[in-house]
PDB file of N, CA and C in Angstrom:
ATOM      1  N   MET A   1    -178.594 -39.300  62.704  1.00  0.00           N
ATOM      2  CA  MET A   1    -177.302 -39.649  62.157  1.00  0.00           C
ATOM      3  C   MET A   1    -177.242 -41.137  61.820  1.00  0.00           C
ATOM      4  N   ARG A   2    -178.345 -41.742  61.516  1.00  0.00           N
ATOM      5  CA  ARG A   2    -178.396 -43.168  61.177  1.00  0.00           C
ATOM      6  C   ARG A   2    -178.166 -43.419  59.692  1.00  0.00           C
ATOM      7  N   HIS A   3    -178.192 -42.398  58.902  1.00  0.00           N
ATOM      8  CA  HIS A   3    -178.028 -42.561  57.458  1.00  0.00           C
ATOM      9  C   HIS A   3    -176.574 -42.918  57.140  1.00  0.00           C
ATOM     10  N   PRO A   4    -176.339 -43.888  56.244  1.00  0.00           N
ATOM     11  CA  PRO A   4    -174.969 -44.308  55.927  1.00  0.00           C
ATOM     12  C   PRO A   4    -174.104 -43.190  55.350  1.00  0.00           C
ATOM     13  N   GLY A   5    -174.728 -42.195  54.756  1.00  0.00           N
ATOM     14  CA  GLY A   5    -173.952 -41.079  54.203  1.00  0.00           C
ATOM     15  C   GLY A   5    -173.181 -40.320  55.269  1.00  0.00           C
ATOM     16  N   TRP A   6    -173.773 -40.178  56.449  1.00  0.00           N
ATOM     17  CA  TRP A   6    -173.096 -39.473  57.539  1.00  0.00           C
ATOM     18  C   TRP A   6    -171.869 -40.242  58.015  1.00  0.00           C
ATOM     19  N   ILE A   7    -171.956 -41.546  58.009  1.00  0.00           N
ATOM     20  CA  ILE A   7    -170.802 -42.356  58.410  1.00  0.00           C
ATOM     21  C   ILE A   7    -169.648 -42.135  57.434  1.00  0.00           C
ATOM     22  N   LEU A   8    -169.954 -42.066  56.151  1.00  0.00           N
ATOM     23  CA  LEU A   8    -168.911 -41.808  55.152  1.00  0.00           C
ATOM     24  C   LEU A   8    -168.307 -40.420  55.322  1.00  0.00           C
ATOM     25  N   VAL A   9    -169.137 -39.438  55.649  1.00  0.00           N
ATOM     26  CA  VAL A   9    -168.632 -38.080  55.872  1.00  0.00           C
ATOM     27  C   VAL A   9    -167.690 -38.067  57.076  1.00  0.00           C
ATOM     28  N   ILE A  10    -168.057 -38.735  58.155  1.00  0.00           N
ATOM     29  CA  ILE A  10    -167.221 -38.765  59.355  1.00  0.00           C
ATOM     30  C   ILE A  10    -165.912 -39.499  59.080  1.00  0.00           C
ATOM     31  N   ILE A  11    -165.981 -40.611  58.360  1.00  0.00           N
ATOM     32  CA  ILE A  11    -164.753 -41.339  58.013  1.00  0.00           C
ATOM     33  C   ILE A  11    -163.851 -40.468  57.139  1.00  0.00           C
ATOM     34  N   GLY A  12    -164.431 -39.744  56.203  1.00  0.00           N
ATOM     35  CA  GLY A  12    -163.649 -38.845  55.356  1.00  0.00           C
ATOM     36  C   GLY A  12    -162.974 -37.743  56.152  1.00  0.00           C
ATOM     37  N   LEU A  13    -163.692 -37.176  57.122  1.00  0.00           N
ATOM     38  CA  LEU A  13    -163.099 -36.138  57.964  1.00  0.00           C
ATOM     39  C   LEU A  13    -161.974 -36.697  58.824  1.00  0.00           C
ATOM     40  N   LEU A  14    -162.146 -37.910  59.335  1.00  0.00           N
ATOM     41  CA  LEU A  14    -161.080 -38.527  60.124  1.00  0.00           C
ATOM     42  C   LEU A  14    -159.830 -38.778  59.286  1.00  0.00           C
ATOM     43  N   VAL A  15    -160.023 -39.278  58.073  1.00  0.00           N
ATOM     44  CA  VAL A  15    -158.880 -39.536  57.189  1.00  0.00           C
ATOM     45  C   VAL A  15    -158.181 -38.221  56.837  1.00  0.00           C
ATOM     46  N   THR A  16    -158.953 -37.185  56.582  1.00  0.00           N
ATOM     47  CA  THR A  16    -158.375 -35.872  56.282  1.00  0.00           C
ATOM     48  C   THR A  16    -157.600 -35.341  57.480  1.00  0.00           C
ATOM     49  N   GLY A  17    -158.171 -35.480  58.675  1.00  0.00           N
ATOM     50  CA  GLY A  17    -157.477 -35.029  59.881  1.00  0.00           C
ATOM     51  C   GLY A  17    -156.175 -35.772  60.117  1.00  0.00           C
ATOM     52  N   ILE A  18    -156.190 -37.074  59.908  1.00  0.00           N
ATOM     53  CA  ILE A  18    -154.968 -37.859  60.068  1.00  0.00           C
ATOM     54  C   ILE A  18    -153.921 -37.423  59.044  1.00  0.00           C
ATOM     55  N   GLY A  19    -154.353 -37.151  57.826  1.00  0.00           N
ATOM     56  CA  GLY A  19    -153.423 -36.693  56.795  1.00  0.00           C
ATOM     57  C   GLY A  19    -152.806 -35.348  57.132  1.00  0.00           C
ATOM     58  N   VAL A  20    -153.592 -34.434  57.660  1.00  0.00           N
ATOM     59  CA  VAL A  20    -153.067 -33.110  58.037  1.00  0.00           C
ATOM     60  C   VAL A  20    -152.062 -33.240  59.172  1.00  0.00           C
ATOM     61  N   VAL A  21    -152.381 -34.074  60.161  1.00  0.00           N
ATOM     62  CA  VAL A  21    -151.437 -34.286  61.272  1.00  0.00           C
ATOM     63  C   VAL A  21    -150.164 -34.935  60.759  1.00  0.00           C
ATOM     64  N   TRP A  22    -150.296 -35.887  59.860  1.00  0.00           N
ATOM     65  CA  TRP A  22    -149.131 -36.575  59.310  1.00  0.00           C
ATOM     66  C   TRP A  22    -148.212 -35.600  58.557  1.00  0.00           C
ATOM     67  N   LEU A  23    -148.804 -34.656  57.848  1.00  0.00           N
ATOM     68  CA  LEU A  23    -148.002 -33.690  57.099  1.00  0.00           C
ATOM     69  C   LEU A  23    -147.359 -32.646  57.998  1.00  0.00           C
ATOM     70  N   THR A  24    -148.053 -32.221  59.056  1.00  0.00           N
ATOM     71  CA  THR A  24    -147.544 -31.134  59.890  1.00  0.00           C
ATOM     72  C   THR A  24    -146.735 -31.618  61.086  1.00  0.00           C
ATOM     73  N   ALA A  25    -146.784 -32.899  61.433  1.00  0.00           N
ATOM     74  CA  ALA A  25    -146.082 -33.397  62.618  1.00  0.00           C
ATOM     75  C   ALA A  25    -144.575 -33.152  62.579  1.00  0.00           C
ATOM     76  N   PRO A  26    -143.892 -33.321  61.453  1.00  0.00           N
ATOM     77  CA  PRO A  26    -142.439 -33.062  61.473  1.00  0.00           C
ATOM     78  C   PRO A  26    -142.085 -31.605  61.744  1.00  0.00           C
ATOM     79  N   SER A  27    -142.994 -30.677  61.508  1.00  0.00           N
ATOM     80  CA  SER A  27    -142.682 -29.270  61.730  1.00  0.00           C
ATOM     81  C   SER A  27    -142.966 -28.818  63.161  1.00  0.00           C
ATOM     82  N   ILE A  28    -143.570 -29.676  63.984  1.00  0.00           N
ATOM     83  CA  ILE A  28    -143.790 -29.350  65.390  1.00  0.00           C
ATOM     84  C   ILE A  28    -142.481 -29.619  66.122  1.00  0.00           C
ATOM     85  N   PRO A  29    -141.898 -28.603  66.773  1.00  0.00           N
ATOM     86  CA  PRO A  29    -140.534 -28.760  67.292  1.00  0.00           C
ATOM     87  C   PRO A  29    -140.372 -29.794  68.397  1.00  0.00           C
ATOM     88  N   LEU A  30    -141.331 -29.942  69.312  1.00  0.00           N
ATOM     89  CA  LEU A  30    -141.157 -30.856  70.424  1.00  0.00           C
ATOM     90  C   LEU A  30    -141.773 -32.224  70.184  1.00  0.00           C
ATOM     91  N   PHE A  31    -142.439 -32.410  69.068  1.00  0.00           N
ATOM     92  CA  PHE A  31    -143.123 -33.668  68.807  1.00  0.00           C
ATOM     93  C   PHE A  31    -142.119 -34.791  68.644  1.00  0.00           C
ATOM     94  N   GLY A  32    -142.083 -35.722  69.600  1.00  0.00           N
ATOM     95  CA  GLY A  32    -141.157 -36.842  69.549  1.00  0.00           C
ATOM     96  C   GLY A  32    -139.802 -36.573  70.150  1.00  0.00           C
ATOM     97  N   LYS A  33    -139.601 -35.393  70.745  1.00  0.00           N
ATOM     98  CA  LYS A  33    -138.302 -35.061  71.334  1.00  0.00           C
ATOM     99  C   LYS A  33    -138.453 -34.614  72.781  1.00  0.00           C
ATOM    100  N   LEU A  34    -139.444 -35.150  73.461  1.00  0.00           N
ATOM    101  CA  LEU A  34    -139.688 -34.780  74.845  1.00  0.00           C
ATOM    102  C   LEU A  34    -138.814 -35.592  75.784  1.00  0.00           C
ATOM    103  N   PRO A  35    -138.561 -35.072  76.999  1.00  0.00           N
ATOM    104  CA  PRO A  35    -137.844 -35.885  77.982  1.00  0.00           C
ATOM    105  C   PRO A  35    -138.663 -37.143  78.302  1.00  0.00           C
ATOM    106  N   GLY A  36    -138.049 -38.263  78.326  1.00  0.00           N
ATOM    107  CA  GLY A  36    -138.745 -39.517  78.553  1.00  0.00           C
ATOM    108  C   GLY A  36    -138.922 -40.328  77.288  1.00  0.00           C
ATOM    109  N   ASP A  37    -138.726 -39.726  76.134  1.00  0.00           N
ATOM    110  CA  ASP A  37    -138.733 -40.477  74.879  1.00  0.00           C
ATOM    111  C   ASP A  37    -137.431 -41.274  74.794  1.00  0.00           C
ATOM    112  N   ILE A  38    -137.544 -42.523  74.429  1.00  0.00           N
ATOM    113  CA  ILE A  38    -136.389 -43.424  74.433  1.00  0.00           C
ATOM    114  C   ILE A  38    -135.730 -43.396  73.051  1.00  0.00           C
ATOM    115  N   ARG A  39    -134.450 -43.071  73.045  1.00  0.00           N
ATOM    116  CA  ARG A  39    -133.695 -43.031  71.783  1.00  0.00           C
ATOM    117  C   ARG A  39    -132.337 -43.694  72.000  1.00  0.00           C
ATOM    118  N   ILE A  40    -132.095 -44.738  71.240  1.00  0.00           N
ATOM    119  CA  ILE A  40    -130.811 -45.439  71.290  1.00  0.00           C
ATOM    120  C   ILE A  40    -130.234 -45.412  69.880  1.00  0.00           C
ATOM    121  N   GLU A  41    -129.071 -44.801  69.749  1.00  0.00           N
ATOM    122  CA  GLU A  41    -128.417 -44.709  68.439  1.00  0.00           C
ATOM    123  C   GLU A  41    -127.032 -45.339  68.541  1.00  0.00           C
ATOM    124  N   ARG A  42    -126.832 -46.374  67.772  1.00  0.00           N
ATOM    125  CA  ARG A  42    -125.532 -47.050  67.696  1.00  0.00           C
ATOM    126  C   ARG A  42    -125.012 -46.919  66.261  1.00  0.00           C
ATOM    127  N   GLU A  43    -123.903 -47.535  66.001  1.00  0.00           N
ATOM    128  CA  GLU A  43    -123.302 -47.421  64.672  1.00  0.00           C
ATOM    129  C   GLU A  43    -124.212 -48.000  63.593  1.00  0.00           C
ATOM    130  N   ASN A  44    -124.727 -49.200  63.788  1.00  0.00           N
ATOM    131  CA  ASN A  44    -125.563 -49.848  62.778  1.00  0.00           C
ATOM    132  C   ASN A  44    -126.983 -50.083  63.268  1.00  0.00           C
ATOM    133  N   PHE A  45    -127.412 -49.368  64.305  1.00  0.00           N
ATOM    134  CA  PHE A  45    -128.696 -49.654  64.915  1.00  0.00           C
ATOM    135  C   PHE A  45    -129.292 -48.374  65.486  1.00  0.00           C
ATOM    136  N   ASN A  46    -130.544 -48.114  65.153  1.00  0.00           N
ATOM    137  CA  ASN A  46    -131.287 -47.000  65.724  1.00  0.00           C
ATOM    138  C   ASN A  46    -132.595 -47.531  66.289  1.00  0.00           C
ATOM    139  N   PHE A  47    -132.887 -47.157  67.526  1.00  0.00           N
ATOM    140  CA  PHE A  47    -134.145 -47.528  68.153  1.00  0.00           C
ATOM    141  C   PHE A  47    -134.736 -46.273  68.763  1.00  0.00           C
ATOM    142  N   TYR A  48    -136.013 -46.038  68.475  1.00  0.00           N
ATOM    143  CA  TYR A  48    -136.672 -44.844  68.974  1.00  0.00           C
ATOM    144  C   TYR A  48    -138.081 -45.200  69.382  1.00  0.00           C
ATOM    145  N   PHE A  49    -138.446 -44.885  70.623  1.00  0.00           N
ATOM    146  CA  PHE A  49    -139.800 -45.096  71.109  1.00  0.00           C
ATOM    147  C   PHE A  49    -140.242 -43.843  71.852  1.00  0.00           C
ATOM    148  N   PRO A  50    -141.196 -43.097  71.297  1.00  0.00           N
ATOM    149  CA  PRO A  50    -141.630 -41.833  71.916  1.00  0.00           C
ATOM    150  C   PRO A  50    -142.617 -42.078  73.067  1.00  0.00           C
ATOM    151  N   LEU A  51    -142.134 -42.537  74.202  1.00  0.00           N
ATOM    152  CA  LEU A  51    -142.988 -42.912  75.328  1.00  0.00           C
ATOM    153  C   LEU A  51    -143.761 -41.708  75.875  1.00  0.00           C
ATOM    154  N   THR A  52    -143.087 -40.623  76.183  1.00  0.00           N
ATOM    155  CA  THR A  52    -143.757 -39.441  76.732  1.00  0.00           C
ATOM    156  C   THR A  52    -144.721 -38.833  75.718  1.00  0.00           C
ATOM    157  N   THR A  53    -144.346 -38.802  74.470  1.00  0.00           N
ATOM    158  CA  THR A  53    -145.223 -38.274  73.432  1.00  0.00           C
ATOM    159  C   THR A  53    -146.495 -39.109  73.329  1.00  0.00           C
ATOM    160  N   CYS A  54    -146.360 -40.434  73.407  1.00  0.00           N
ATOM    161  CA  CYS A  54    -147.534 -41.310  73.361  1.00  0.00           C
ATOM    162  C   CYS A  54    -148.456 -41.065  74.546  1.00  0.00           C
ATOM    163  N   ILE A  55    -147.887 -40.880  75.727  1.00  0.00           N
ATOM    164  CA  ILE A  55    -148.709 -40.622  76.915  1.00  0.00           C
ATOM    165  C   ILE A  55    -149.447 -39.301  76.777  1.00  0.00           C
ATOM    166  N   LEU A  56    -148.762 -38.256  76.314  1.00  0.00           N
ATOM    167  CA  LEU A  56    -149.420 -36.959  76.147  1.00  0.00           C
ATOM    168  C   LEU A  56    -150.517 -37.002  75.087  1.00  0.00           C
ATOM    169  N   LEU A  57    -150.272 -37.690  73.979  1.00  0.00           N
ATOM    170  CA  LEU A  57    -151.299 -37.818  72.952  1.00  0.00           C
ATOM    171  C   LEU A  57    -152.493 -38.608  73.466  1.00  0.00           C
ATOM    172  N   SER A  58    -152.235 -39.631  74.266  1.00  0.00           N
ATOM    173  CA  SER A  58    -153.323 -40.411  74.850  1.00  0.00           C
ATOM    174  C   SER A  58    -154.168 -39.545  75.779  1.00  0.00           C
ATOM    175  N   LEU A  59    -153.530 -38.752  76.613  1.00  0.00           N
ATOM    176  CA  LEU A  59    -154.268 -37.851  77.504  1.00  0.00           C
ATOM    177  C   LEU A  59    -155.076 -36.817  76.723  1.00  0.00           C
ATOM    178  N   LEU A  60    -154.485 -36.280  75.665  1.00  0.00           N
ATOM    179  CA  LEU A  60    -155.188 -35.290  74.847  1.00  0.00           C
ATOM    180  C   LEU A  60    -156.410 -35.900  74.172  1.00  0.00           C
ATOM    181  N   LEU A  61    -156.247 -37.067  73.564  1.00  0.00           N
ATOM    182  CA  LEU A  61    -157.373 -37.717  72.898  1.00  0.00           C
ATOM    183  C   LEU A  61    -158.438 -38.165  73.893  1.00  0.00           C
ATOM    184  N   THR A  62    -158.025 -38.609  75.085  1.00  0.00           N
ATOM    185  CA  THR A  62    -158.987 -38.974  76.113  1.00  0.00           C
ATOM    186  C   THR A  62    -159.797 -37.763  76.545  1.00  0.00           C
ATOM    187  N   GLY A  63    -159.135 -36.623  76.707  1.00  0.00           N
ATOM    188  CA  GLY A  63    -159.843 -35.393  77.069  1.00  0.00           C
ATOM    189  C   GLY A  63    -160.821 -34.951  76.003  1.00  0.00           C
ATOM    190  N   ILE A  64    -160.426 -35.064  74.741  1.00  0.00           N
ATOM    191  CA  ILE A  64    -161.320 -34.683  73.644  1.00  0.00           C
ATOM    192  C   ILE A  64    -162.528 -35.605  73.609  1.00  0.00           C
ATOM    193  N   MET A  65    -162.294 -36.908  73.754  1.00  0.00           N
ATOM    194  CA  MET A  65    -163.413 -37.847  73.745  1.00  0.00           C
ATOM    195  C   MET A  65    -164.335 -37.629  74.942  1.00  0.00           C
ATOM    196  N   TRP A  66    -163.772 -37.291  76.088  1.00  0.00           N
ATOM    197  CA  TRP A  66    -164.594 -37.010  77.261  1.00  0.00           C
ATOM    198  C   TRP A  66    -165.456 -35.771  77.016  1.00  0.00           C
ATOM    199  N   LEU A  67    -164.883 -34.732  76.419  1.00  0.00           N
ATOM    200  CA  LEU A  67    -165.658 -33.520  76.125  1.00  0.00           C
ATOM    201  C   LEU A  67    -166.773 -33.804  75.120  1.00  0.00           C
ATOM    202  N   VAL A  68    -166.477 -34.612  74.113  1.00  0.00           N
ATOM    203  CA  VAL A  68    -167.506 -34.955  73.118  1.00  0.00           C
ATOM    204  C   VAL A  68    -168.646 -35.700  73.778  1.00  0.00           C
ATOM    205  N   ARG A  69    -168.351 -36.659  74.627  1.00  0.00           N
ATOM    206  CA  ARG A  69    -169.405 -37.424  75.302  1.00  0.00           C
ATOM    207  C   ARG A  69    -170.148 -36.556  76.324  1.00  0.00           C
ATOM    208  N   TYR A  70    -169.452 -35.620  76.956  1.00  0.00           N
ATOM    209  CA  TYR A  70    -170.065 -34.756  77.954  1.00  0.00           C
ATOM    210  C   TYR A  70    -171.090 -33.808  77.333  1.00  0.00           C
ATOM    211  N   PHE A  71    -170.758 -33.260  76.166  1.00  0.00           N
ATOM    212  CA  PHE A  71    -171.634 -32.280  75.522  1.00  0.00           C
ATOM    213  C   PHE A  71    -172.659 -32.912  74.579  1.00  0.00           C
ATOM    214  N   SER A  72    -172.608 -34.215  74.361  1.00  0.00           N
ATOM    215  CA  SER A  72    -173.604 -34.832  73.467  1.00  0.00           C
ATOM    216  C   SER A  72    -174.644 -35.622  74.223  1.00  0.00           C
TER     217      SER A  72
END
């Protein structure tokens, strides 16, 4: 996998994956609406920080990376 072509293929797959997640994320019902997500809505001010969602995504990606390293 030292050939530069493989790096381009992997980058292309990553960009495609990010695009698919970006398109489908609004249709996932609990994405960004979990308990622990911080939402402050005022008359002229909205603040939203998906803390629990970020933690769950971090755990999921860590698990995937661990599995990839374990099996390779």
